[in-house]
Amino acid sequence: MRAISSGRRNLITDVEGIRVGNASDEKVKSGVTAIICDTTVTASVHVMGGAPGTRETDLLSPENLVEDIEGLVLAGGSAFGLDAASGVQAALREMGRGFKIGPHRIPIVPTAILFDLINGGDKDWGRFAPYRDLGYDAANSADIDFELGTIGAGYGAVTATCKGGLGSASTIISYDDSADMTIGALVIVNALGSPMIGDTKHFWAAPFEMNNEFGGFGQPSPYPENARDLRIKHRDQAKPGANTTIAVIATDAVLTKAQAKRLAIAAHDGFARAIWPSHTPLDGDLIFAIATGKSGASPSLDQQIDLGAIAASTMSRAVARGIFEAKKKPNDLLPTWQSKFGA
């Protein structure tokens, strides 16, 4: 490995062939994020939280038939948010996309949801939840540039100590004797734990920060006495499924389905380095992995080690950026990082 650097946008869309769309409902304080692929891509998933909520994730196991997908959906709304996949499917079908069976096309869009029902929003939406329509709008708005923080599936996200949000980051891995490879991460941070060290403004992800992307504050010195104290969201009313950090790790390398699975596993280290605690019985922590193959590079075994390590560090950076960029909204139950520590 010759060098690593941040991608031009420092977003998952630095991986060629990926676009991201967001749709939010300010009254409900929730939303949907759609990751749309320009062509079908190899994908897998790895779940490490104890309370996941998903749709069409079994087909991503390496031993199962379907090799390629059209996109992914991340949504708020707990189980209600699974409706978002139907909206994204509808948009993709109108685009002529999908797995072809005879005269029919079936868009494959695996989905993961998070719990954001207790966040100050009005969930009295009537007979049907808004997520199908939000999914449709998110898919149709997909582009290479998008906002971070309080947007899409991250609109109503919260952590133990402050508001959560949507984060993204990218890294380019350069080699002297082979093609460069790009890694991109997108994450919705709605964790049971905290992204900050004790009561300080410092992020657990600080060792991996690039170009002051979340303030450039580094690590506290000395570490505070309360750095070891566990910050747990709603400890007195913690319930399974009430917290979740869901994410996508993407690369332009050529990977098999099994290699994509391994990349998702490695990226979970990024959660553990950016949120403490993570992967608890009450979180639904999950990472999708997609490989567009656009670089044409089929990584060697040594390079697969590089990809896994950089996937973890890029994911950590994305987590911190989602917290750093969160914005204050009416009826918030928790402060943003900016309102606590910003200028």
C-alpha atoms as a PDB file:
ATOM      1  CA  MET A   1       0.000   0.000   0.000  1.00  0.00           C
ATOM      2  CA  ARG A   2       1.554   3.265  -1.118  1.00  0.00           C
ATOM      3  CA  ALA A   3      -0.803   5.759   0.483  1.00  0.00           C
ATOM      4  CA  ILE A   4      -4.310   6.435   1.715  1.00  0.00           C
ATOM      5  CA  SER A   5      -6.258   9.651   1.265  1.00  0.00           C
ATOM      6  CA  SER A   6      -9.793  10.917   1.601  1.00  0.00           C
ATOM      7  CA  GLY A   7     -11.959  10.814  -1.504  1.00  0.00           C
ATOM      8  CA  ARG A   8     -12.827  14.045  -3.312  1.00  0.00           C
ATOM      9  CA  ARG A   9     -16.321  14.329  -1.791  1.00  0.00           C
ATOM     10  CA  ASN A  10     -15.510  12.329   1.349  1.00  0.00           C
ATOM     11  CA  LEU A  11     -18.811  10.505   0.766  1.00  0.00           C
ATOM     12  CA  ILE A  12     -19.757   6.940  -0.109  1.00  0.00           C
ATOM     13  CA  THR A  13     -20.482   8.241  -3.620  1.00  0.00           C
ATOM     14  CA  ASP A  14     -16.741   8.539  -4.230  1.00  0.00           C
ATOM     15  CA  VAL A  15     -17.176   4.839  -5.009  1.00  0.00           C
ATOM     16  CA  GLU A  16     -18.110   4.948  -8.689  1.00  0.00           C
ATOM     17  CA  GLY A  17     -21.568   3.659  -9.494  1.00  0.00           C
ATOM     18  CA  ILE A  18     -23.362   4.689  -6.287  1.00  0.00           C
ATOM     19  CA  ARG A  19     -25.896   7.450  -5.656  1.00  0.00           C
ATOM     20  CA  VAL A  20     -27.702   8.357  -2.423  1.00  0.00           C
ATOM     21  CA  GLY A  21     -31.140   9.865  -1.914  1.00  0.00           C
ATOM     22  CA  ASN A  22     -32.811  11.070   1.272  1.00  0.00           C
ATOM     23  CA  ALA A  23     -36.384  11.904   2.202  1.00  0.00           C
ATOM     24  CA  SER A  24     -37.527  13.159   5.617  1.00  0.00           C
ATOM     25  CA  ASP A  25     -40.788  13.930   7.399  1.00  0.00           C
ATOM     26  CA  GLU A  26     -40.249  16.844   9.797  1.00  0.00           C
ATOM     27  CA  LYS A  27     -43.515  16.278  11.693  1.00  0.00           C
ATOM     28  CA  VAL A  28     -42.816  12.575  12.256  1.00  0.00           C
ATOM     29  CA  LYS A  29     -39.082  13.279  12.824  1.00  0.00           C
ATOM     30  CA  SER A  30     -38.051  10.307  10.719  1.00  0.00           C
ATOM     31  CA  GLY A  31     -36.983   9.448   7.203  1.00  0.00           C
ATOM     32  CA  VAL A  32     -35.512   7.128   4.608  1.00  0.00           C
ATOM     33  CA  THR A  33     -32.124   6.859   2.911  1.00  0.00           C
ATOM     34  CA  ALA A  34     -31.874   5.004  -0.405  1.00  0.00           C
ATOM     35  CA  ILE A  35     -28.553   3.801  -1.821  1.00  0.00           C
ATOM     36  CA  ILE A  36     -29.112   3.331  -5.555  1.00  0.00           C
ATOM     37  CA  CYS A  37     -26.577   1.517  -7.729  1.00  0.00           C
ATOM     38  CA  ASP A  38     -26.185   2.493 -11.388  1.00  0.00           C
ATOM     39  CA  THR A  39     -25.877  -1.187 -12.301  1.00  0.00           C
ATOM     40  CA  THR A  40     -26.408  -4.354 -10.292  1.00  0.00           C
ATOM     41  CA  VAL A  41     -23.704  -4.914  -7.673  1.00  0.00           C
ATOM     42  CA  THR A  42     -22.383  -7.782  -5.576  1.00  0.00           C
ATOM     43  CA  ALA A  43     -23.596  -7.513  -1.989  1.00  0.00           C
ATOM     44  CA  SER A  44     -23.676  -9.197   1.389  1.00  0.00           C
ATOM     45  CA  VAL A  45     -24.523  -8.313   4.999  1.00  0.00           C
ATOM     46  CA  HIS A  46     -23.351  -9.008   8.531  1.00  0.00           C
ATOM     47  CA  VAL A  47     -25.489  -8.512  11.643  1.00  0.00           C
ATOM     48  CA  MET A  48     -23.839  -8.151  15.064  1.00  0.00           C
ATOM     49  CA  GLY A  49     -26.535  -6.453  17.106  1.00  0.00           C
ATOM     50  CA  GLY A  50     -29.017  -8.476  19.120  1.00  0.00           C
ATOM     51  CA  ALA A  51     -32.203  -6.814  17.847  1.00  0.00           C
ATOM     52  CA  PRO A  52     -32.109  -6.276  14.049  1.00  0.00           C
ATOM     53  CA  GLY A  53     -35.010  -5.375  11.779  1.00  0.00           C
ATOM     54  CA  THR A  54     -34.564  -6.328   8.132  1.00  0.00           C
ATOM     55  CA  ARG A  55     -36.077  -7.302   4.787  1.00  0.00           C
ATOM     56  CA  GLU A  56     -34.473  -9.487   2.089  1.00  0.00           C
ATOM     57  CA  THR A  57     -31.206 -10.008   3.924  1.00  0.00           C
ATOM     58  CA  ASP A  58     -31.232 -13.836   3.773  1.00  0.00           C
ATOM     59  CA  LEU A  59     -30.655 -13.712   0.016  1.00  0.00           C
ATOM     60  CA  LEU A  60     -27.340 -11.921   0.656  1.00  0.00           C
ATOM     61  CA  SER A  61     -25.794 -14.992   2.302  1.00  0.00           C
ATOM     62  CA  PRO A  62     -22.967 -16.325   0.102  1.00  0.00           C
ATOM     63  CA  GLU A  63     -24.630 -19.745  -0.274  1.00  0.00           C
ATOM     64  CA  ASN A  64     -27.885 -18.303  -1.670  1.00  0.00           C
ATOM     65  CA  LEU A  65     -28.834 -17.789  -5.318  1.00  0.00           C
ATOM     66  CA  VAL A  66     -29.170 -14.062  -5.980  1.00  0.00           C
ATOM     67  CA  GLU A  67     -25.731 -12.581  -6.696  1.00  0.00           C
ATOM     68  CA  ASP A  68     -26.636  -8.967  -7.421  1.00  0.00           C
ATOM     69  CA  ILE A  69     -28.868  -6.207  -6.066  1.00  0.00           C
ATOM     70  CA  GLU A  70     -30.146  -2.857  -7.366  1.00  0.00           C
ATOM     71  CA  GLY A  71     -29.756  -0.881  -4.162  1.00  0.00           C
ATOM     72  CA  LEU A  72     -30.258  -0.750  -0.399  1.00  0.00           C
ATOM     73  CA  VAL A  73     -32.676   0.968   1.955  1.00  0.00           C
ATOM     74  CA  LEU A  74     -32.060   2.350   5.451  1.00  0.00           C
ATOM     75  CA  ALA A  75     -35.130   3.648   7.259  1.00  0.00           C
ATOM     76  CA  GLY A  76     -36.426   4.963  10.550  1.00  0.00           C
ATOM     77  CA  GLY A  77     -39.782   3.934  11.949  1.00  0.00           C
ATOM     78  CA  SER A  78     -38.894   0.582  13.481  1.00  0.00           C
ATOM     79  CA  ALA A  79     -40.892  -2.214  11.764  1.00  0.00           C
ATOM     80  CA  PHE A  80     -43.125   0.389  10.102  1.00  0.00           C
ATOM     81  CA  GLY A  81     -40.073   1.569   8.181  1.00  0.00           C
ATOM     82  CA  LEU A  82     -39.817  -1.696   6.264  1.00  0.00           C
ATOM     83  CA  ASP A  83     -42.528  -0.243   4.001  1.00  0.00           C
ATOM     84  CA  ALA A  84     -39.817   2.033   2.578  1.00  0.00           C
ATOM     85  CA  ALA A  85     -38.500  -0.845   0.476  1.00  0.00           C
ATOM     86  CA  SER A  86     -41.794  -0.978  -1.440  1.00  0.00           C
ATOM     87  CA  GLY A  87     -41.423   2.674  -2.396  1.00  0.00           C
ATOM     88  CA  VAL A  88     -37.847   2.187  -3.569  1.00  0.00           C
ATOM     89  CA  GLN A  89     -38.900  -0.916  -5.506  1.00  0.00           C
ATOM     90  CA  ALA A  90     -41.645   1.079  -7.208  1.00  0.00           C
ATOM     91  CA  ALA A  91     -39.192   3.780  -8.275  1.00  0.00           C
ATOM     92  CA  LEU A  92     -36.688   1.240  -9.606  1.00  0.00           C
ATOM     93  CA  ARG A  93     -39.413  -0.634 -11.482  1.00  0.00           C
ATOM     94  CA  GLU A  94     -40.426   2.611 -13.191  1.00  0.00           C
ATOM     95  CA  MET A  95     -36.768   2.968 -14.219  1.00  0.00           C
ATOM     96  CA  GLY A  96     -36.880  -0.486 -15.832  1.00  0.00           C
ATOM     97  CA  ARG A  97     -34.579  -1.965 -13.200  1.00  0.00           C
ATOM     98  CA  GLY A  98     -34.796  -5.363 -11.522  1.00  0.00           C
ATOM     99  CA  PHE A  99     -34.054  -9.093 -11.549  1.00  0.00           C
ATOM    100  CA  LYS A 100     -35.557 -10.415 -14.796  1.00  0.00           C
ATOM    101  CA  ILE A 101     -37.839 -13.442 -14.629  1.00  0.00           C
ATOM    102  CA  GLY A 102     -39.727 -13.961 -17.896  1.00  0.00           C
ATOM    103  CA  PRO A 103     -41.519 -10.717 -18.755  1.00  0.00           C
ATOM    104  CA  HIS A 104     -41.202  -9.418 -15.189  1.00  0.00           C
ATOM    105  CA  ARG A 105     -38.563  -7.370 -13.410  1.00  0.00           C
ATOM    106  CA  ILE A 106     -38.229  -7.546  -9.630  1.00  0.00           C
ATOM    107  CA  PRO A 107     -35.957  -4.896  -8.060  1.00  0.00           C
ATOM    108  CA  ILE A 108     -33.925  -6.416  -5.210  1.00  0.00           C
ATOM    109  CA  VAL A 109     -33.480  -3.852  -2.412  1.00  0.00           C
ATOM    110  CA  PRO A 110     -32.494  -5.316   0.975  1.00  0.00           C
ATOM    111  CA  THR A 111     -33.571  -3.088   3.852  1.00  0.00           C
ATOM    112  CA  ALA A 112     -32.668  -2.363   7.472  1.00  0.00           C
ATOM    113  CA  ILE A 113     -34.586  -0.228   9.950  1.00  0.00           C
ATOM    114  CA  LEU A 114     -33.907   1.575  13.216  1.00  0.00           C
ATOM    115  CA  PHE A 115     -36.099   2.592  16.133  1.00  0.00           C
ATOM    116  CA  ASP A 116     -36.784   6.326  16.272  1.00  0.00           C
ATOM    117  CA  LEU A 117     -40.376   6.329  17.563  1.00  0.00           C
ATOM    118  CA  ILE A 118     -39.490   8.043  20.873  1.00  0.00           C
ATOM    119  CA  ASN A 119     -37.730  11.174  19.652  1.00  0.00           C
ATOM    120  CA  GLY A 120     -40.220  14.032  20.007  1.00  0.00           C
ATOM    121  CA  GLY A 121     -41.932  13.531  16.643  1.00  0.00           C
ATOM    122  CA  ASP A 122     -45.669  13.071  16.038  1.00  0.00           C
ATOM    123  CA  LYS A 123     -46.199   9.411  15.160  1.00  0.00           C
ATOM    124  CA  ASP A 124     -49.986   9.722  14.840  1.00  0.00           C
ATOM    125  CA  TRP A 125     -49.811   9.266  11.055  1.00  0.00           C
ATOM    126  CA  GLY A 126     -53.197   7.601  10.591  1.00  0.00           C
ATOM    127  CA  ARG A 127     -53.865   4.247   8.963  1.00  0.00           C
ATOM    128  CA  PHE A 128     -50.663   3.937   6.955  1.00  0.00           C
ATOM    129  CA  ALA A 129     -47.144   4.979   7.913  1.00  0.00           C
ATOM    130  CA  PRO A 130     -45.388   7.409   5.521  1.00  0.00           C
ATOM    131  CA  TYR A 131     -42.374   5.234   4.754  1.00  0.00           C
ATOM    132  CA  ARG A 132     -43.439   3.807   1.379  1.00  0.00           C
ATOM    133  CA  ASP A 133     -43.829   7.316  -0.043  1.00  0.00           C
ATOM    134  CA  LEU A 134     -40.612   8.455   1.637  1.00  0.00           C
ATOM    135  CA  GLY A 135     -38.793   5.512   0.051  1.00  0.00           C
ATOM    136  CA  TYR A 136     -40.126   6.437  -3.385  1.00  0.00           C
ATOM    137  CA  ASP A 137     -39.030  10.056  -2.969  1.00  0.00           C
ATOM    138  CA  ALA A 138     -35.612   9.057  -1.639  1.00  0.00           C
ATOM    139  CA  ALA A 139     -34.924   6.767  -4.600  1.00  0.00           C
ATOM    140  CA  ASN A 140     -35.955   9.405  -7.131  1.00  0.00           C
ATOM    141  CA  SER A 141     -33.761  12.053  -5.488  1.00  0.00           C
ATOM    142  CA  ALA A 142     -30.602   9.903  -5.496  1.00  0.00           C
ATOM    143  CA  ASP A 143     -27.468  11.803  -6.529  1.00  0.00           C
ATOM    144  CA  ILE A 144     -23.719  11.793  -5.935  1.00  0.00           C
ATOM    145  CA  ASP A 145     -23.939  14.766  -3.538  1.00  0.00           C
ATOM    146  CA  PHE A 146     -26.026  14.659  -0.371  1.00  0.00           C
ATOM    147  CA  GLU A 147     -26.230  16.222   3.095  1.00  0.00           C
ATOM    148  CA  LEU A 148     -25.033  14.714   6.350  1.00  0.00           C
ATOM    149  CA  GLY A 149     -26.493  14.822   9.849  1.00  0.00           C
ATOM    150  CA  THR A 150     -30.225  15.342  10.332  1.00  0.00           C
ATOM    151  CA  ILE A 151     -31.479  13.971   7.027  1.00  0.00           C
ATOM    152  CA  GLY A 152     -33.076  10.819   5.650  1.00  0.00           C
ATOM    153  CA  ALA A 153     -33.000   7.821   7.965  1.00  0.00           C
ATOM    154  CA  GLY A 154     -30.821   9.879  10.307  1.00  0.00           C
ATOM    155  CA  TYR A 155     -33.440  12.600  10.812  1.00  0.00           C
ATOM    156  CA  GLY A 156     -34.691  11.274  14.137  1.00  0.00           C
ATOM    157  CA  ALA A 157     -31.660   9.327  15.310  1.00  0.00           C
ATOM    158  CA  VAL A 158     -30.315   9.765  18.850  1.00  0.00           C
ATOM    159  CA  THR A 159     -27.482   8.300  20.921  1.00  0.00           C
ATOM    160  CA  ALA A 160     -26.850   8.037  24.665  1.00  0.00           C
ATOM    161  CA  THR A 161     -25.477  11.576  24.906  1.00  0.00           C
ATOM    162  CA  CYS A 162     -26.638  13.631  21.907  1.00  0.00           C
ATOM    163  CA  LYS A 163     -28.511  13.509  18.628  1.00  0.00           C
ATOM    164  CA  GLY A 164     -27.371  10.959  16.071  1.00  0.00           C
ATOM    165  CA  GLY A 165     -27.563  11.301  12.329  1.00  0.00           C
ATOM    166  CA  LEU A 166     -26.403  10.246   8.889  1.00  0.00           C
ATOM    167  CA  GLY A 167     -22.637  10.125   8.366  1.00  0.00           C
ATOM    168  CA  SER A 168     -20.437   9.260   5.426  1.00  0.00           C
ATOM    169  CA  ALA A 169     -16.734   9.141   4.564  1.00  0.00           C
ATOM    170  CA  SER A 170     -14.423   7.723   1.916  1.00  0.00           C
ATOM    171  CA  THR A 171     -10.830   6.568   1.524  1.00  0.00           C
ATOM    172  CA  ILE A 172      -8.705   5.917  -1.555  1.00  0.00           C
ATOM    173  CA  ILE A 173      -6.082   3.182  -1.249  1.00  0.00           C
ATOM    174  CA  SER A 174      -3.204   3.760  -3.687  1.00  0.00           C
ATOM    175  CA  TYR A 175      -0.683   1.137  -4.827  1.00  0.00           C
ATOM    176  CA  ASP A 176       2.517   1.363  -6.860  1.00  0.00           C
ATOM    177  CA  ASP A 177       1.895  -1.822  -8.836  1.00  0.00           C
ATOM    178  CA  SER A 178      -1.894  -2.139  -9.147  1.00  0.00           C
ATOM    179  CA  ALA A 179      -5.065  -0.093  -9.554  1.00  0.00           C
ATOM    180  CA  ASP A 180      -6.248   2.208  -6.789  1.00  0.00           C
ATOM    181  CA  MET A 181      -9.292   1.105  -4.802  1.00  0.00           C
ATOM    182  CA  THR A 182     -11.886   3.291  -3.112  1.00  0.00           C
ATOM    183  CA  ILE A 183     -13.791   2.494   0.092  1.00  0.00           C
ATOM    184  CA  GLY A 184     -16.888   4.440   1.102  1.00  0.00           C
ATOM    185  CA  ALA A 185     -19.062   4.245   4.220  1.00  0.00           C
ATOM    186  CA  LEU A 186     -22.545   5.511   4.979  1.00  0.00           C
ATOM    187  CA  VAL A 187     -24.015   5.074   8.456  1.00  0.00           C
ATOM    188  CA  ILE A 188     -27.107   5.994  10.439  1.00  0.00           C
ATOM    189  CA  VAL A 189     -26.043   6.442  14.070  1.00  0.00           C
ATOM    190  CA  ASN A 190     -28.871   5.636  16.493  1.00  0.00           C
ATOM    191  CA  ALA A 191     -26.815   3.841  19.112  1.00  0.00           C
ATOM    192  CA  LEU A 192     -27.487   2.710  22.656  1.00  0.00           C
ATOM    193  CA  GLY A 193     -23.965   3.872  23.516  1.00  0.00           C
ATOM    194  CA  SER A 194     -22.048   7.110  23.068  1.00  0.00           C
ATOM    195  CA  PRO A 195     -19.723   8.350  20.301  1.00  0.00           C
ATOM    196  CA  MET A 196     -17.898  10.682  22.708  1.00  0.00           C
ATOM    197  CA  ILE A 197     -15.236  10.011  25.336  1.00  0.00           C
ATOM    198  CA  GLY A 198     -16.853  10.577  28.723  1.00  0.00           C
ATOM    199  CA  ASP A 199     -18.335  14.066  29.038  1.00  0.00           C
ATOM    200  CA  THR A 200     -15.835  15.579  26.608  1.00  0.00           C
ATOM    201  CA  LYS A 201     -16.244  16.876  23.057  1.00  0.00           C
ATOM    202  CA  HIS A 202     -13.721  14.292  21.836  1.00  0.00           C
ATOM    203  CA  PHE A 203     -14.832  11.436  19.591  1.00  0.00           C
ATOM    204  CA  TRP A 204     -13.820   7.813  20.139  1.00  0.00           C
ATOM    205  CA  ALA A 205     -13.104   7.821  16.369  1.00  0.00           C
ATOM    206  CA  ALA A 206     -10.456  10.581  16.724  1.00  0.00           C
ATOM    207  CA  PRO A 207      -7.406   8.415  15.846  1.00  0.00           C
ATOM    208  CA  PHE A 208      -8.791   7.881  12.343  1.00  0.00           C
ATOM    209  CA  GLU A 209      -9.850  11.451  11.523  1.00  0.00           C
ATOM    210  CA  MET A 210      -8.696  12.937   8.209  1.00  0.00           C
ATOM    211  CA  ASN A 211      -8.546  16.630   7.290  1.00  0.00           C
ATOM    212  CA  ASN A 212     -10.324  17.810  10.465  1.00  0.00           C
ATOM    213  CA  GLU A 213     -13.565  16.321   9.122  1.00  0.00           C
ATOM    214  CA  PHE A 214     -15.175  16.293  12.575  1.00  0.00           C
ATOM    215  CA  GLY A 215     -13.446  19.241  14.204  1.00  0.00           C
ATOM    216  CA  GLY A 216      -9.846  18.087  14.499  1.00  0.00           C
ATOM    217  CA  PHE A 217      -9.939  17.927  18.311  1.00  0.00           C
ATOM    218  CA  GLY A 218      -7.968  14.715  18.608  1.00  0.00           C
ATOM    219  CA  GLN A 219      -8.009  12.744  21.836  1.00  0.00           C
ATOM    220  CA  PRO A 220      -8.238  14.259  25.327  1.00  0.00           C
ATOM    221  CA  SER A 221      -5.020  14.459  27.305  1.00  0.00           C
ATOM    222  CA  PRO A 222      -5.218  13.244  29.928  1.00  0.00           C
ATOM    223  CA  TYR A 223      -8.248  11.041  29.460  1.00  0.00           C
ATOM    224  CA  PRO A 224     -11.066  12.091  31.827  1.00  0.00           C
ATOM    225  CA  GLU A 225     -11.796   9.991  34.876  1.00  0.00           C
ATOM    226  CA  ASN A 226     -15.284   9.276  33.524  1.00  0.00           C
ATOM    227  CA  ALA A 227     -14.013   7.946  30.185  1.00  0.00           C
ATOM    228  CA  ARG A 228     -14.779   4.432  31.446  1.00  0.00           C
ATOM    229  CA  ASP A 229     -18.307   5.327  32.537  1.00  0.00           C
ATOM    230  CA  LEU A 230     -20.933   3.679  30.363  1.00  0.00           C
ATOM    231  CA  ARG A 231     -23.359   6.129  28.775  1.00  0.00           C
ATOM    232  CA  ILE A 232     -26.505   4.175  27.937  1.00  0.00           C
ATOM    233  CA  LYS A 233     -29.514   5.666  26.189  1.00  0.00           C
ATOM    234  CA  HIS A 234     -32.767   5.384  28.175  1.00  0.00           C
ATOM    235  CA  ARG A 235     -31.129   2.924  30.590  1.00  0.00           C
ATOM    236  CA  ASP A 236     -34.203   2.859  32.806  1.00  0.00           C
ATOM    237  CA  GLN A 237     -36.451   1.935  29.880  1.00  0.00           C
ATOM    238  CA  ALA A 238     -34.064   0.173  27.510  1.00  0.00           C
ATOM    239  CA  LYS A 239     -35.867  -2.285  25.256  1.00  0.00           C
ATOM    240  CA  PRO A 240     -34.723  -4.665  22.507  1.00  0.00           C
ATOM    241  CA  GLY A 241     -35.002  -2.983  19.104  1.00  0.00           C
ATOM    242  CA  ALA A 242     -35.001   0.546  20.523  1.00  0.00           C
ATOM    243  CA  ASN A 243     -31.481   1.290  19.227  1.00  0.00           C
ATOM    244  CA  THR A 244     -29.578   0.475  16.080  1.00  0.00           C
ATOM    245  CA  THR A 245     -26.628   1.653  14.027  1.00  0.00           C
ATOM    246  CA  ILE A 246     -27.126   0.568  10.419  1.00  0.00           C
ATOM    247  CA  ALA A 247     -24.623   1.139   7.655  1.00  0.00           C
ATOM    248  CA  VAL A 248     -23.283   0.397   4.195  1.00  0.00           C
ATOM    249  CA  ILE A 249     -19.628  -0.189   3.321  1.00  0.00           C
ATOM    250  CA  ALA A 250     -18.871   0.023  -0.389  1.00  0.00           C
ATOM    251  CA  THR A 251     -15.890  -0.468  -2.661  1.00  0.00           C
ATOM    252  CA  ASP A 252     -15.129  -0.215  -6.368  1.00  0.00           C
ATOM    253  CA  ALA A 253     -13.042  -3.387  -6.154  1.00  0.00           C
ATOM    254  CA  VAL A 254     -14.157  -6.648  -7.762  1.00  0.00           C
ATOM    255  CA  LEU A 255     -15.338  -8.928  -4.949  1.00  0.00           C
ATOM    256  CA  THR A 256     -17.190 -12.198  -4.689  1.00  0.00           C
ATOM    257  CA  LYS A 257     -20.235 -12.448  -2.473  1.00  0.00           C
ATOM    258  CA  ALA A 258     -18.135 -14.208   0.177  1.00  0.00           C
ATOM    259  CA  GLN A 259     -15.477 -11.479   0.032  1.00  0.00           C
ATOM    260  CA  ALA A 260     -18.205  -8.839   0.402  1.00  0.00           C
ATOM    261  CA  LYS A 261     -19.406 -10.673   3.503  1.00  0.00           C
ATOM    262  CA  ARG A 262     -15.876 -10.542   4.932  1.00  0.00           C
ATOM    263  CA  LEU A 263     -15.722  -6.798   4.185  1.00  0.00           C
ATOM    264  CA  ALA A 264     -18.958  -6.240   6.134  1.00  0.00           C
ATOM    265  CA  ILE A 265     -17.536  -8.202   9.068  1.00  0.00           C
ATOM    266  CA  ALA A 266     -14.358  -6.104   9.079  1.00  0.00           C
ATOM    267  CA  ALA A 267     -16.318  -2.847   8.891  1.00  0.00           C
ATOM    268  CA  HIS A 268     -18.026  -3.662  12.194  1.00  0.00           C
ATOM    269  CA  ASP A 269     -14.685  -2.910  13.863  1.00  0.00           C
ATOM    270  CA  GLY A 270     -15.427   0.684  12.877  1.00  0.00           C
ATOM    271  CA  PHE A 271     -18.534   0.651  15.059  1.00  0.00           C
ATOM    272  CA  ALA A 272     -16.528  -0.688  17.987  1.00  0.00           C
ATOM    273  CA  ARG A 273     -13.858   2.018  17.597  1.00  0.00           C
ATOM    274  CA  ALA A 274     -16.411   4.862  17.314  1.00  0.00           C
ATOM    275  CA  ILE A 275     -19.268   3.929  19.683  1.00  0.00           C
ATOM    276  CA  TRP A 276     -18.986   2.579  23.226  1.00  0.00           C
ATOM    277  CA  PRO A 277     -20.586   0.212  23.897  1.00  0.00           C
ATOM    278  CA  SER A 278     -21.633  -1.213  20.528  1.00  0.00           C
ATOM    279  CA  HIS A 279     -23.123  -4.527  19.346  1.00  0.00           C
ATOM    280  CA  THR A 280     -25.218  -4.833  22.506  1.00  0.00           C
ATOM    281  CA  PRO A 281     -28.241  -7.136  22.920  1.00  0.00           C
ATOM    282  CA  LEU A 282     -30.445  -4.049  22.607  1.00  0.00           C
ATOM    283  CA  ASP A 283     -28.892  -2.740  19.356  1.00  0.00           C
ATOM    284  CA  GLY A 284     -29.691  -4.019  15.877  1.00  0.00           C
ATOM    285  CA  ASP A 285     -26.226  -3.214  14.526  1.00  0.00           C
ATOM    286  CA  LEU A 286     -25.905  -4.253  10.883  1.00  0.00           C
ATOM    287  CA  ILE A 287     -23.619  -3.470   7.942  1.00  0.00           C
ATOM    288  CA  PHE A 288     -24.342  -4.120   4.272  1.00  0.00           C
ATOM    289  CA  ALA A 289     -21.354  -4.469   1.933  1.00  0.00           C
ATOM    290  CA  ILE A 290     -21.465  -3.752  -1.798  1.00  0.00           C
ATOM    291  CA  ALA A 291     -18.808  -4.039  -4.489  1.00  0.00           C
ATOM    292  CA  THR A 292     -19.380  -2.190  -7.767  1.00  0.00           C
ATOM    293  CA  GLY A 293     -16.260  -3.581  -9.472  1.00  0.00           C
ATOM    294  CA  LYS A 294     -15.787  -0.277 -11.318  1.00  0.00           C
ATOM    295  CA  SER A 295     -12.031  -0.102 -10.570  1.00  0.00           C
ATOM    296  CA  GLY A 296     -11.456  -3.460 -12.249  1.00  0.00           C
ATOM    297  CA  ALA A 297      -9.129  -4.395  -9.378  1.00  0.00           C
ATOM    298  CA  SER A 298      -9.447  -7.897  -7.945  1.00  0.00           C
ATOM    299  CA  PRO A 299      -7.619  -7.571  -4.620  1.00  0.00           C
ATOM    300  CA  SER A 300      -4.943 -10.036  -3.616  1.00  0.00           C
ATOM    301  CA  LEU A 301      -5.076 -11.607  -0.165  1.00  0.00           C
ATOM    302  CA  ASP A 302      -2.761  -8.883   1.169  1.00  0.00           C
ATOM    303  CA  GLN A 303      -4.958  -6.218  -0.388  1.00  0.00           C
ATOM    304  CA  GLN A 304      -8.071  -7.778   1.136  1.00  0.00           C
ATOM    305  CA  ILE A 305      -6.432  -7.191   4.519  1.00  0.00           C
ATOM    306  CA  ASP A 306      -5.937  -3.538   3.540  1.00  0.00           C
ATOM    307  CA  LEU A 307      -9.565  -3.265   2.421  1.00  0.00           C
ATOM    308  CA  GLY A 308     -10.840  -4.652   5.723  1.00  0.00           C
ATOM    309  CA  ALA A 309      -8.698  -2.352   7.840  1.00  0.00           C
ATOM    310  CA  ILE A 310      -9.573   0.732   5.810  1.00  0.00           C
ATOM    311  CA  ALA A 311     -13.255  -0.255   5.819  1.00  0.00           C
ATOM    312  CA  ALA A 312     -13.168  -0.152   9.642  1.00  0.00           C
ATOM    313  CA  SER A 313     -11.402   3.212   9.862  1.00  0.00           C
ATOM    314  CA  THR A 314     -13.634   4.761   7.202  1.00  0.00           C
ATOM    315  CA  MET A 315     -16.725   3.545   9.056  1.00  0.00           C
ATOM    316  CA  SER A 316     -15.443   5.088  12.310  1.00  0.00           C
ATOM    317  CA  ARG A 317     -14.980   8.422  10.566  1.00  0.00           C
ATOM    318  CA  ALA A 318     -18.481   8.243   9.079  1.00  0.00           C
ATOM    319  CA  VAL A 319     -19.967   7.646  12.559  1.00  0.00           C
ATOM    320  CA  ALA A 320     -18.282  10.740  13.985  1.00  0.00           C
ATOM    321  CA  ARG A 321     -19.254  12.866  10.979  1.00  0.00           C
ATOM    322  CA  GLY A 322     -22.913  11.916  11.419  1.00  0.00           C
ATOM    323  CA  ILE A 323     -22.818  13.177  15.023  1.00  0.00           C
ATOM    324  CA  PHE A 324     -20.763  16.278  14.194  1.00  0.00           C
ATOM    325  CA  GLU A 325     -23.148  17.364  11.407  1.00  0.00           C
ATOM    326  CA  ALA A 326     -26.458  16.799  13.255  1.00  0.00           C
ATOM    327  CA  LYS A 327     -28.725  19.851  13.386  1.00  0.00           C
ATOM    328  CA  LYS A 328     -31.122  21.161  16.010  1.00  0.00           C
ATOM    329  CA  LYS A 329     -34.828  20.704  15.195  1.00  0.00           C
ATOM    330  CA  PRO A 330     -38.076  21.541  17.048  1.00  0.00           C
ATOM    331  CA  ASN A 331     -39.064  19.181  19.873  1.00  0.00           C
ATOM    332  CA  ASP A 332     -35.655  17.510  20.079  1.00  0.00           C
ATOM    333  CA  LEU A 333     -35.219  15.389  23.194  1.00  0.00           C
ATOM    334  CA  LEU A 334     -31.414  15.620  23.152  1.00  0.00           C
ATOM    335  CA  PRO A 335     -28.920  18.346  22.199  1.00  0.00           C
ATOM    336  CA  THR A 336     -26.765  18.149  19.105  1.00  0.00           C
ATOM    337  CA  TRP A 337     -22.987  17.876  19.394  1.00  0.00           C
ATOM    338  CA  GLN A 338     -22.786  21.408  17.967  1.00  0.00           C
ATOM    339  CA  SER A 339     -25.105  22.846  20.615  1.00  0.00           C
ATOM    340  CA  LYS A 340     -23.055  21.211  23.389  1.00  0.00           C
ATOM    341  CA  PHE A 341     -19.541  21.831  22.109  1.00  0.00           C
ATOM    342  CA  GLY A 342     -19.619  23.872  18.874  1.00  0.00           C
ATOM    343  CA  ALA A 343     -18.518  27.474  18.478  1.00  0.00           C
END
